Amino acid sequence: MKKRRISTQSSPENARGKIYLAMRLTLLLTMFFSFTAIASVSSQSVTLKLENASLRETIKELKNQTGVYFV
């Protein structure tokens, strides 16, 4: 009868599982905080009355009214 040795070293499958779990948790937390930020921003109302304004001026006015920076 052969005896099994209990190894204290982690196997490659176990390491991959831990990395996969860390990636899933990171993605989940990133999505949670992104949706929270979007929800707080989307509750604002913005009023713009611009004529013959460039896109740069429009974005600047949006930034002034909402505090949201556009990249």
Protein backbone atom coordinates (compact mmCIF):
# COMPACT_ATOMS: atom_id res chain seq x y z
CA MET A 1 0.00 0.00 0.00
CA LYS A 2 1.44 3.34 -1.02
CA LYS A 3 1.36 6.29 1.31
CA ARG A 4 0.33 9.68 0.01
CA ARG A 5 2.55 12.61 0.80
CA ILE A 6 0.81 15.80 1.73
CA SER A 7 2.55 18.61 -0.06
CA THR A 8 2.71 22.06 1.45
CA GLN A 9 3.52 23.58 -1.92
CA SER A 10 0.66 25.00 -3.93
CA SER A 11 -0.14 23.37 -7.22
CA PRO A 12 -0.41 25.36 -10.46
CA GLU A 13 -4.15 24.68 -10.55
CA ASN A 14 -4.56 26.12 -7.07
CA ALA A 15 -2.51 29.21 -7.99
CA ARG A 16 -4.60 29.77 -11.11
CA GLY A 17 -7.77 29.45 -9.05
CA LYS A 18 -6.56 32.12 -6.62
CA ILE A 19 -5.60 34.48 -9.44
CA TYR A 20 -8.97 33.89 -11.12
CA LEU A 21 -10.77 34.64 -7.85
CA ALA A 22 -8.75 37.84 -7.33
CA MET A 23 -9.54 38.96 -10.89
CA ARG A 24 -13.26 38.31 -10.40
CA LEU A 25 -13.33 40.22 -7.11
CA THR A 26 -11.44 43.14 -8.65
CA LEU A 27 -13.87 43.30 -11.56
CA LEU A 28 -16.87 43.09 -9.24
CA LEU A 29 -15.63 45.88 -6.97
CA THR A 30 -14.70 48.08 -9.94
CA MET A 31 -18.17 47.66 -11.44
CA PHE A 32 -19.84 48.34 -8.07
CA PHE A 33 -17.99 51.60 -7.49
CA SER A 34 -18.44 52.68 -11.13
CA PHE A 35 -22.20 52.16 -10.99
CA THR A 36 -22.36 54.04 -7.68
CA ALA A 37 -20.56 57.00 -9.23
CA ILE A 38 -22.77 56.93 -12.32
CA ALA A 39 -25.92 56.84 -10.19
CA SER A 40 -24.88 59.92 -8.23
CA VAL A 41 -23.96 61.84 -11.39
CA SER A 42 -27.08 60.90 -13.34
CA SER A 43 -29.36 62.45 -10.70
CA GLN A 44 -28.26 65.97 -11.68
CA SER A 45 -30.14 68.18 -14.08
CA VAL A 46 -28.30 70.33 -16.59
CA THR A 47 -29.62 73.27 -18.57
CA LEU A 48 -27.69 74.46 -21.61
CA LYS A 49 -28.64 77.26 -23.96
CA LEU A 50 -25.80 77.65 -26.40
CA GLU A 51 -25.87 78.90 -29.96
CA ASN A 52 -23.01 78.41 -32.39
CA ALA A 53 -20.84 77.09 -29.57
CA SER A 54 -17.90 74.84 -30.24
CA LEU A 55 -17.64 71.41 -28.73
CA ARG A 56 -14.86 72.64 -26.44
CA GLU A 57 -17.07 75.46 -25.07
CA THR A 58 -19.98 73.06 -24.59
CA ILE A 59 -17.88 70.57 -22.65
CA LYS A 60 -16.44 73.41 -20.55
CA GLU A 61 -19.94 74.59 -19.66
CA LEU A 62 -21.00 71.04 -18.78
CA LYS A 63 -17.95 70.74 -16.52
CA ASN A 64 -18.82 74.04 -14.79
CA GLN A 65 -22.41 72.98 -14.13
CA THR A 66 -21.85 69.37 -13.11
CA GLY A 67 -18.29 69.20 -11.81
CA VAL A 68 -17.67 66.18 -14.05
CA TYR A 69 -14.43 66.21 -16.01
CA PHE A 70 -14.42 64.88 -19.57
CA VAL A 71 -11.38 63.24 -21.07
